[in-house]
N, C-alpha and C. Protein backbone atom coordinates (compact mmCIF):
# COMPACT_ATOMS: atom_id res chain seq x y z
N MET A 1 282.23 36.93 -8.72
CA MET A 1 282.82 38.10 -8.09
C MET A 1 284.32 37.87 -7.90
N LYS A 2 285.10 38.88 -8.21
CA LYS A 2 286.56 38.79 -8.08
C LYS A 2 286.94 38.68 -6.61
N LYS A 3 288.03 37.96 -6.37
CA LYS A 3 288.56 37.83 -5.02
C LYS A 3 289.85 38.62 -4.91
N VAL A 4 289.96 39.39 -3.85
CA VAL A 4 291.18 40.14 -3.57
C VAL A 4 291.65 39.78 -2.17
N THR A 5 292.91 39.42 -2.08
CA THR A 5 293.52 39.09 -0.79
C THR A 5 294.44 40.23 -0.40
N ILE A 6 294.40 40.61 0.87
CA ILE A 6 295.32 41.63 1.38
C ILE A 6 296.07 41.04 2.57
N TRP A 7 297.39 41.15 2.52
CA TRP A 7 298.22 40.82 3.68
C TRP A 7 298.26 42.12 4.48
N HIS A 8 297.63 42.09 5.63
CA HIS A 8 297.31 43.31 6.37
C HIS A 8 297.93 43.31 7.77
N ASN A 9 298.41 44.49 8.15
CA ASN A 9 298.88 44.73 9.52
C ASN A 9 298.04 45.88 10.06
N PRO A 10 297.10 45.61 10.95
CA PRO A 10 296.21 46.66 11.46
C PRO A 10 296.93 47.82 12.16
N LYS A 11 298.16 47.60 12.60
CA LYS A 11 298.90 48.67 13.29
C LYS A 11 299.58 49.63 12.31
N CYS A 12 299.60 49.28 11.03
CA CYS A 12 300.28 50.09 10.01
C CYS A 12 299.28 51.02 9.34
N SER A 13 299.57 52.31 9.32
CA SER A 13 298.65 53.28 8.72
C SER A 13 298.48 53.05 7.22
N LYS A 14 299.54 52.71 6.52
CA LYS A 14 299.45 52.45 5.07
C LYS A 14 298.59 51.21 4.81
N SER A 15 298.72 50.21 5.65
CA SER A 15 297.93 49.00 5.50
C SER A 15 296.46 49.30 5.78
N ARG A 16 296.18 50.08 6.80
CA ARG A 16 294.79 50.47 7.11
C ARG A 16 294.20 51.28 5.96
N GLU A 17 294.99 52.16 5.39
CA GLU A 17 294.54 52.98 4.26
C GLU A 17 294.23 52.09 3.04
N ALA A 18 295.09 51.14 2.76
CA ALA A 18 294.85 50.23 1.64
C ALA A 18 293.59 49.40 1.87
N LEU A 19 293.39 48.93 3.09
CA LEU A 19 292.19 48.16 3.42
C LEU A 19 290.94 49.02 3.24
N SER A 20 291.02 50.28 3.62
CA SER A 20 289.89 51.20 3.45
C SER A 20 289.54 51.36 1.96
N ILE A 21 290.56 51.48 1.12
CA ILE A 21 290.34 51.58 -0.33
C ILE A 21 289.70 50.29 -0.83
N LEU A 22 290.23 49.16 -0.40
CA LEU A 22 289.71 47.85 -0.80
C LEU A 22 288.25 47.69 -0.41
N GLU A 23 287.89 48.14 0.77
CA GLU A 23 286.52 48.00 1.25
C GLU A 23 285.52 48.77 0.39
N GLY A 24 285.99 49.74 -0.37
CA GLY A 24 285.12 50.50 -1.26
C GLY A 24 284.85 49.80 -2.58
N TYR A 25 285.43 48.63 -2.80
CA TYR A 25 285.28 47.89 -4.06
C TYR A 25 284.38 46.67 -3.87
N GLU A 26 283.59 46.41 -4.90
CA GLU A 26 282.75 45.21 -4.93
C GLU A 26 283.64 44.02 -5.28
N CYS A 27 284.00 43.26 -4.28
CA CYS A 27 284.80 42.06 -4.51
C CYS A 27 284.74 41.21 -3.25
N ASP A 28 285.15 39.97 -3.40
CA ASP A 28 285.25 39.06 -2.28
C ASP A 28 286.60 39.33 -1.63
N LYS A 29 286.60 39.72 -0.37
CA LYS A 29 287.83 40.13 0.31
C LYS A 29 288.33 39.04 1.27
N ASP A 30 289.61 38.79 1.21
CA ASP A 30 290.26 37.86 2.13
C ASP A 30 291.35 38.66 2.84
N ILE A 31 291.14 38.93 4.11
CA ILE A 31 292.08 39.74 4.89
C ILE A 31 292.94 38.80 5.72
N ILE A 32 294.23 38.81 5.43
CA ILE A 32 295.18 37.95 6.14
C ILE A 32 296.02 38.83 7.05
N LYS A 33 295.88 38.61 8.34
CA LYS A 33 296.72 39.32 9.31
C LYS A 33 298.00 38.48 9.46
N TYR A 34 298.93 38.76 8.58
CA TYR A 34 300.11 37.90 8.43
C TYR A 34 301.04 37.91 9.63
N LEU A 35 300.91 38.88 10.52
CA LEU A 35 301.73 38.85 11.74
C LEU A 35 301.18 37.84 12.74
N GLU A 36 299.88 37.54 12.64
CA GLU A 36 299.25 36.56 13.52
C GLU A 36 299.37 35.15 12.95
N THR A 37 299.28 35.04 11.63
CA THR A 37 299.39 33.76 10.94
C THR A 37 300.53 33.89 9.93
N SER A 38 301.71 33.53 10.37
CA SER A 38 302.91 33.69 9.53
C SER A 38 302.80 32.89 8.24
N PRO A 39 303.13 33.52 7.12
CA PRO A 39 303.12 32.78 5.85
C PRO A 39 304.26 31.76 5.82
N GLU A 40 304.00 30.65 5.14
CA GLU A 40 305.03 29.62 4.98
C GLU A 40 305.97 30.03 3.85
N LYS A 41 307.12 29.37 3.81
CA LYS A 41 308.12 29.70 2.78
C LYS A 41 307.54 29.61 1.38
N ASN A 42 306.75 28.59 1.09
CA ASN A 42 306.18 28.44 -0.24
C ASN A 42 305.23 29.58 -0.59
N GLU A 43 304.48 30.05 0.40
CA GLU A 43 303.59 31.19 0.17
C GLU A 43 304.40 32.44 -0.20
N ILE A 44 305.51 32.63 0.50
CA ILE A 44 306.37 33.78 0.22
C ILE A 44 306.99 33.64 -1.17
N LYS A 45 307.42 32.44 -1.53
CA LYS A 45 308.00 32.21 -2.86
C LYS A 45 306.97 32.50 -3.95
N ASN A 46 305.74 32.04 -3.76
CA ASN A 46 304.69 32.32 -4.74
C ASN A 46 304.41 33.81 -4.83
N LEU A 47 304.41 34.48 -3.69
CA LEU A 47 304.18 35.91 -3.67
C LEU A 47 305.29 36.65 -4.42
N LEU A 48 306.53 36.24 -4.22
CA LEU A 48 307.65 36.86 -4.91
C LEU A 48 307.50 36.74 -6.42
N LYS A 49 307.03 35.57 -6.88
CA LYS A 49 306.80 35.38 -8.32
C LYS A 49 305.72 36.32 -8.83
N MET A 50 304.62 36.43 -8.06
CA MET A 50 303.52 37.32 -8.47
C MET A 50 303.96 38.78 -8.51
N LEU A 51 304.79 39.14 -7.54
CA LEU A 51 305.27 40.53 -7.47
C LEU A 51 306.37 40.80 -8.49
N GLY A 52 307.12 39.76 -8.85
CA GLY A 52 308.25 39.94 -9.75
C GLY A 52 309.41 40.66 -9.08
N VAL A 53 309.62 40.35 -7.79
CA VAL A 53 310.69 40.99 -7.04
C VAL A 53 311.54 39.93 -6.34
N THR A 54 312.68 40.36 -5.84
CA THR A 54 313.55 39.48 -5.05
C THR A 54 313.08 39.50 -3.60
N ALA A 55 313.58 38.56 -2.83
CA ALA A 55 313.23 38.51 -1.41
C ALA A 55 313.61 39.82 -0.71
N ARG A 56 314.77 40.34 -1.02
CA ARG A 56 315.19 41.58 -0.35
C ARG A 56 314.25 42.74 -0.68
N GLU A 57 313.73 42.77 -1.90
CA GLU A 57 312.82 43.85 -2.29
C GLU A 57 311.48 43.77 -1.55
N LEU A 58 311.17 42.60 -1.00
CA LEU A 58 309.96 42.43 -0.22
C LEU A 58 310.18 42.72 1.26
N MET A 59 311.43 42.92 1.64
CA MET A 59 311.76 43.08 3.06
C MET A 59 311.76 44.54 3.51
N ARG A 60 311.39 44.70 4.76
CA ARG A 60 311.45 46.00 5.41
C ARG A 60 312.88 46.17 5.95
N THR A 61 313.72 46.74 5.12
CA THR A 61 315.16 46.81 5.44
C THR A 61 315.48 47.84 6.52
N LYS A 62 314.51 48.66 6.88
CA LYS A 62 314.76 49.64 7.96
C LYS A 62 314.30 49.13 9.32
N GLU A 63 313.72 47.94 9.35
CA GLU A 63 313.31 47.33 10.62
C GLU A 63 314.55 47.03 11.45
N GLU A 64 314.47 47.25 12.73
CA GLU A 64 315.58 46.95 13.64
C GLU A 64 315.94 45.47 13.57
N LEU A 65 314.93 44.62 13.42
CA LEU A 65 315.16 43.17 13.33
C LEU A 65 316.02 42.81 12.12
N TYR A 66 315.86 43.52 11.03
CA TYR A 66 316.66 43.31 9.82
C TYR A 66 318.14 43.51 10.16
N LYS A 67 318.41 44.55 10.93
CA LYS A 67 319.80 44.84 11.34
C LYS A 67 320.29 43.81 12.34
N GLU A 68 319.44 43.47 13.32
CA GLU A 68 319.82 42.50 14.34
C GLU A 68 320.20 41.14 13.74
N LEU A 69 319.47 40.74 12.70
CA LEU A 69 319.73 39.45 12.06
C LEU A 69 320.83 39.52 11.00
N ALA A 70 321.43 40.70 10.83
CA ALA A 70 322.52 40.92 9.87
C ALA A 70 322.13 40.48 8.46
N LEU A 71 320.90 40.81 8.06
CA LEU A 71 320.40 40.38 6.76
C LEU A 71 320.98 41.17 5.60
N LYS A 72 321.54 42.32 5.88
CA LYS A 72 322.16 43.11 4.81
C LYS A 72 323.31 42.33 4.18
N GLU A 73 323.99 41.55 5.01
CA GLU A 73 325.14 40.77 4.53
C GLU A 73 324.72 39.44 3.91
N GLU A 74 323.45 39.05 4.06
CA GLU A 74 322.97 37.77 3.54
C GLU A 74 322.60 37.91 2.07
N HIS A 75 323.11 37.01 1.24
CA HIS A 75 322.83 37.07 -0.21
C HIS A 75 322.11 35.83 -0.72
N ASP A 76 321.88 34.87 0.16
CA ASP A 76 321.18 33.65 -0.21
C ASP A 76 319.67 33.90 -0.15
N GLU A 77 319.02 33.83 -1.30
CA GLU A 77 317.59 34.09 -1.41
C GLU A 77 316.77 33.19 -0.48
N GLU A 78 317.15 31.93 -0.39
CA GLU A 78 316.43 30.98 0.48
C GLU A 78 316.50 31.41 1.94
N LYS A 79 317.65 31.89 2.36
CA LYS A 79 317.80 32.32 3.77
C LYS A 79 317.00 33.58 4.04
N LEU A 80 316.90 34.47 3.07
CA LEU A 80 316.09 35.68 3.23
C LEU A 80 314.61 35.31 3.33
N ILE A 81 314.19 34.36 2.50
CA ILE A 81 312.80 33.89 2.55
C ILE A 81 312.51 33.23 3.89
N GLU A 82 313.44 32.42 4.36
CA GLU A 82 313.30 31.76 5.67
C GLU A 82 313.20 32.81 6.78
N ALA A 83 313.99 33.86 6.69
CA ALA A 83 313.94 34.92 7.70
C ALA A 83 312.56 35.57 7.73
N MET A 84 311.96 35.79 6.56
CA MET A 84 310.62 36.38 6.52
C MET A 84 309.57 35.42 7.05
N ALA A 85 309.72 34.12 6.76
CA ALA A 85 308.76 33.13 7.26
C ALA A 85 308.82 33.05 8.78
N GLN A 86 310.01 33.15 9.33
CA GLN A 86 310.17 33.09 10.78
C GLN A 86 309.88 34.41 11.46
N ASN A 87 310.01 35.51 10.72
CA ASN A 87 309.83 36.85 11.28
C ASN A 87 308.98 37.69 10.31
N PRO A 88 307.68 37.46 10.27
CA PRO A 88 306.84 38.14 9.28
C PRO A 88 306.86 39.67 9.40
N LYS A 89 307.34 40.17 10.51
CA LYS A 89 307.47 41.62 10.68
C LYS A 89 308.41 42.20 9.62
N LEU A 90 309.26 41.37 9.03
CA LEU A 90 310.20 41.81 8.01
C LEU A 90 309.55 42.01 6.64
N ILE A 91 308.30 41.54 6.47
CA ILE A 91 307.64 41.61 5.17
C ILE A 91 307.01 42.99 4.99
N GLU A 92 307.29 43.59 3.84
CA GLU A 92 306.71 44.89 3.50
C GLU A 92 305.20 44.76 3.44
N ARG A 93 304.51 45.85 3.71
CA ARG A 93 303.06 45.84 3.73
C ARG A 93 302.51 47.14 3.20
N PRO A 94 301.29 47.14 2.80
CA PRO A 94 300.36 46.03 2.59
C PRO A 94 300.63 45.37 1.25
N ILE A 95 300.18 44.14 1.12
CA ILE A 95 300.30 43.42 -0.14
C ILE A 95 298.89 43.04 -0.59
N LEU A 96 298.59 43.30 -1.84
CA LEU A 96 297.29 42.93 -2.40
C LEU A 96 297.50 41.94 -3.53
N ILE A 97 296.63 40.93 -3.57
CA ILE A 97 296.73 39.86 -4.57
C ILE A 97 295.38 39.72 -5.27
N LYS A 98 295.43 39.68 -6.60
CA LYS A 98 294.21 39.53 -7.40
C LYS A 98 294.57 38.90 -8.73
N ASP A 99 293.82 37.90 -9.14
CA ASP A 99 294.00 37.27 -10.45
C ASP A 99 295.44 36.82 -10.71
N GLY A 100 296.10 36.26 -9.70
CA GLY A 100 297.46 35.76 -9.88
C GLY A 100 298.52 36.84 -9.96
N LYS A 101 298.15 38.07 -9.66
CA LYS A 101 299.10 39.18 -9.65
C LYS A 101 299.07 39.82 -8.26
N ALA A 102 300.15 40.50 -7.93
CA ALA A 102 300.24 41.12 -6.62
C ALA A 102 300.96 42.46 -6.72
N ILE A 103 300.68 43.31 -5.74
CA ILE A 103 301.41 44.57 -5.60
C ILE A 103 301.70 44.82 -4.13
N ILE A 104 302.73 45.59 -3.90
CA ILE A 104 302.97 46.15 -2.58
C ILE A 104 302.25 47.50 -2.62
N GLY A 105 301.32 47.72 -1.74
CA GLY A 105 300.47 48.91 -1.77
C GLY A 105 301.13 50.17 -1.23
N ARG A 106 302.33 50.44 -1.68
CA ARG A 106 303.05 51.66 -1.30
C ARG A 106 303.58 52.32 -2.56
N PRO A 107 303.25 53.54 -2.78
CA PRO A 107 302.30 54.36 -2.02
C PRO A 107 300.88 53.81 -2.22
N THR A 108 299.99 54.16 -1.34
CA THR A 108 298.64 53.60 -1.40
C THR A 108 297.88 54.07 -2.64
N SER A 109 298.39 55.05 -3.34
CA SER A 109 297.74 55.50 -4.57
C SER A 109 297.72 54.40 -5.64
N VAL A 110 298.60 53.41 -5.55
CA VAL A 110 298.62 52.32 -6.53
C VAL A 110 297.53 51.28 -6.28
N VAL A 111 296.92 51.31 -5.10
CA VAL A 111 295.92 50.30 -4.74
C VAL A 111 294.68 50.39 -5.63
N ALA A 112 294.11 51.58 -5.76
CA ALA A 112 292.90 51.74 -6.57
C ALA A 112 293.16 51.35 -8.03
N GLU A 113 294.29 51.74 -8.55
CA GLU A 113 294.64 51.40 -9.93
C GLU A 113 294.72 49.89 -10.11
N PHE A 114 295.34 49.22 -9.16
CA PHE A 114 295.46 47.75 -9.20
C PHE A 114 294.09 47.09 -9.14
N LEU A 115 293.21 47.59 -8.28
CA LEU A 115 291.89 46.99 -8.13
C LEU A 115 291.01 47.20 -9.36
N GLU A 116 291.24 48.25 -10.08
CA GLU A 116 290.42 48.57 -11.24
C GLU A 116 290.83 47.82 -12.51
N LYS A 117 291.99 47.20 -12.49
CA LYS A 117 292.48 46.47 -13.68
C LYS A 117 291.68 45.20 -13.88
């Protein structure tokens, strides 16, 4: 049976919607509440490779914390990754991982397509 991991924030409506779609699929599910168990830098780096995006593209740039930490002016990829490891609230959600590939589940319409591949 295929395994699908979701980085989930139960307070986020899009994340709840993605989880609901995931629950409709026959697969082994691993639900990671990443705000409770912060991902380590290496996990974020691996995720970035799977997504094929930069650290900034994985960040919630409209979060107040993003502004408070002056991350718009930061261009060092390592420092952006460190900021996400220390402040997982900055990580975009939901994220789904399957077969060494990942997507950001926004809009949630991409979730079903990803799961069916």
